[in-house]
């Protein structure tokens, strides 16, 4: 009975997360469409472009998370939630609390990562986001950073 209660609480948590992500993505789309070009100089345009690129990457990560949450909710409805898709063993509640939309147990996840067989479709591109953010740090500007269009 304790597992069923925990799964019910996880369902409520997933529904809350799903609704929050849906609102956030809708708000981001609305603000993106409602914002108009400021008519500023080239620096403003470059800053706006960089900001839009970062927001786009974050929206992509949020969209992936939303898909995973909706998939977990669907699995709950089908009675398949909480069981590893690889070994078919129950996923411990502690893991589900930490990552409620996970599809595999820790052992199977570890094996997948060692073999390089994680689900690449849903992997976040954190390196790209980090590199993008790093371009706008307070470091010294070098000639190599400038695109002179020659």
Protein backbone atom coordinates (compact mmCIF):
# COMPACT_ATOMS: atom_id res chain seq x y z
CA UNK A 1 0.00 0.00 0.00
CA UNK A 2 2.88 2.37 0.73
CA UNK A 3 4.15 2.06 -2.86
CA UNK A 4 0.69 2.88 -4.25
CA UNK A 5 0.45 5.96 -2.01
CA UNK A 6 3.89 7.10 -3.10
CA UNK A 7 2.96 6.59 -6.76
CA UNK A 8 -0.22 8.61 -6.25
CA UNK A 9 1.82 11.48 -4.77
CA UNK A 10 4.26 11.22 -7.68
CA UNK A 11 1.32 11.42 -10.10
CA UNK A 12 0.14 14.62 -8.45
CA UNK A 13 3.69 16.01 -8.59
CA UNK A 14 4.00 15.13 -12.28
CA UNK A 15 0.67 16.79 -13.06
CA UNK A 16 1.81 19.93 -11.23
CA UNK A 17 5.15 19.96 -13.06
CA UNK A 18 3.44 19.35 -16.40
CA UNK A 19 1.01 22.22 -15.89
CA UNK A 20 3.78 24.58 -14.76
CA UNK A 21 5.93 23.72 -17.79
CA UNK A 22 2.99 24.14 -20.15
CA UNK A 23 2.27 27.60 -18.70
CA UNK A 24 5.93 28.59 -18.85
CA UNK A 25 6.34 27.50 -22.46
CA UNK A 26 3.11 29.24 -23.45
CA UNK A 27 4.23 32.44 -21.71
CA UNK A 28 7.61 32.27 -23.43
CA UNK A 29 5.97 31.81 -26.84
CA UNK A 30 3.58 34.67 -26.14
CA UNK A 31 6.37 37.03 -25.04
CA UNK A 32 8.49 36.00 -28.04
CA UNK A 33 5.70 36.85 -30.48
CA UNK A 34 4.67 40.03 -28.70
CA UNK A 35 8.17 41.49 -28.52
CA UNK A 36 9.00 43.74 -31.41
CA UNK A 37 12.34 44.89 -32.77
CA UNK A 38 13.61 47.74 -30.62
CA UNK A 39 15.25 49.56 -33.51
CA UNK A 40 18.50 49.78 -31.57
CA UNK A 41 22.03 49.60 -32.90
CA UNK A 42 23.99 46.53 -34.01
CA UNK A 43 25.09 45.82 -30.42
CA UNK A 44 21.48 45.69 -29.27
CA UNK A 45 20.60 43.39 -32.15
CA UNK A 46 23.52 41.07 -31.31
CA UNK A 47 22.56 41.02 -27.64
CA UNK A 48 18.94 40.30 -28.55
CA UNK A 49 20.07 37.50 -30.87
CA UNK A 50 22.23 35.93 -28.19
CA UNK A 51 19.44 36.19 -25.65
CA UNK A 52 16.98 34.64 -28.09
CA UNK A 53 19.40 31.76 -28.80
CA UNK A 54 19.81 31.01 -25.09
CA UNK A 55 16.05 31.23 -24.51
CA UNK A 56 15.51 28.89 -27.45
CA UNK A 57 17.93 26.32 -26.01
CA UNK A 58 16.26 26.53 -22.60
CA UNK A 59 12.82 26.15 -24.21
CA UNK A 60 14.07 23.04 -26.04
CA UNK A 61 15.24 21.52 -22.75
CA UNK A 62 11.90 22.38 -21.11
CA UNK A 63 10.01 20.86 -24.04
CA UNK A 64 11.97 17.62 -23.67
CA UNK A 65 11.22 17.55 -19.96
CA UNK A 66 7.54 18.18 -20.67
CA UNK A 67 7.51 15.27 -23.14
CA UNK A 68 9.12 12.97 -20.56
CA UNK A 69 6.61 14.02 -17.90
CA UNK A 70 3.66 13.45 -20.23
CA UNK A 71 5.08 10.04 -21.14
CA UNK A 72 5.36 9.14 -17.44
CA UNK A 73 1.74 10.22 -16.84
CA UNK A 74 0.63 8.09 -19.79
CA UNK A 75 2.55 5.11 -18.38
CA UNK A 76 0.74 5.61 -15.06
CA UNK A 77 -2.60 5.44 -16.85
CA UNK A 78 -1.50 2.19 -18.52
CA UNK A 79 -0.28 0.71 -15.24
CA UNK A 80 3.34 0.46 -16.46
CA UNK A 81 4.80 3.34 -14.43
CA UNK A 82 7.53 2.56 -11.92
CA UNK A 83 8.89 -0.52 -13.69
CA UNK A 84 12.21 -0.52 -15.49
CA UNK A 85 11.78 -0.75 -19.25
CA UNK A 86 14.98 -2.80 -19.51
CA UNK A 87 14.80 -5.38 -16.71
CA UNK A 88 11.09 -5.02 -15.82
CA UNK A 89 11.90 -4.77 -12.10
CA UNK A 90 10.22 -2.13 -9.88
CA UNK A 91 12.13 1.14 -9.81
CA UNK A 92 12.78 2.14 -6.18
CA UNK A 93 10.51 4.94 -4.93
CA UNK A 94 13.59 6.96 -3.90
CA UNK A 95 14.72 7.07 -7.54
CA UNK A 96 11.23 7.97 -8.73
CA UNK A 97 11.09 10.79 -6.19
CA UNK A 98 14.43 12.12 -7.44
CA UNK A 99 13.58 11.70 -11.13
CA UNK A 100 9.84 11.00 -11.46
CA UNK A 101 9.90 10.58 -15.25
CA UNK A 102 12.70 8.02 -15.35
CA UNK A 103 12.10 4.84 -17.34
CA UNK A 104 14.94 2.70 -16.01
CA UNK A 105 16.40 1.64 -12.69
CA UNK A 106 19.81 2.85 -11.55
CA UNK A 107 21.60 -0.36 -12.54
CA UNK A 108 20.20 -0.38 -16.07
CA UNK A 109 20.88 3.35 -16.43
CA UNK A 110 24.48 2.77 -15.39
CA UNK A 111 24.88 -0.01 -17.97
CA UNK A 112 23.33 2.18 -20.69
CA UNK A 113 25.70 5.03 -19.86
CA UNK A 114 28.74 2.74 -19.88
CA UNK A 115 27.74 1.38 -23.27
CA UNK A 116 26.92 4.84 -24.56
CA UNK A 117 23.38 3.71 -25.31
CA UNK A 118 21.38 6.39 -23.54
CA UNK A 119 18.35 7.75 -25.32
CA UNK A 120 20.11 10.49 -27.30
CA UNK A 121 16.83 11.97 -28.50
CA UNK A 122 16.21 13.34 -25.01
CA UNK A 123 19.71 14.21 -23.87
CA UNK A 124 20.25 17.84 -23.00
CA UNK A 125 23.00 19.63 -24.88
CA UNK A 126 24.51 21.20 -21.77
CA UNK A 127 27.92 21.62 -23.40
CA UNK A 128 26.42 23.81 -26.11
CA UNK A 129 24.48 25.87 -23.56
CA UNK A 130 27.63 26.26 -21.43
CA UNK A 131 29.73 27.32 -24.42
CA UNK A 132 27.04 29.79 -25.47
CA UNK A 133 26.92 31.32 -21.99
CA UNK A 134 30.74 31.33 -21.82
CA UNK A 135 30.91 33.56 -24.89
CA UNK A 136 29.29 36.32 -22.86
CA UNK A 137 31.50 36.14 -19.78
CA UNK A 138 33.68 39.00 -18.57
CA UNK A 139 36.87 37.68 -20.17
CA UNK A 140 39.17 39.75 -22.35
CA UNK A 141 38.19 40.16 -25.99
CA UNK A 142 40.72 38.88 -28.53
CA UNK A 143 41.05 39.48 -32.28
CA UNK A 144 39.93 35.90 -32.85
CA UNK A 145 36.61 36.76 -31.20
CA UNK A 146 35.85 39.42 -33.81
CA UNK A 147 34.23 38.53 -37.09
CA UNK A 148 35.36 41.33 -39.37
CA UNK A 149 33.70 39.88 -42.44
CA UNK A 150 36.82 40.05 -44.56
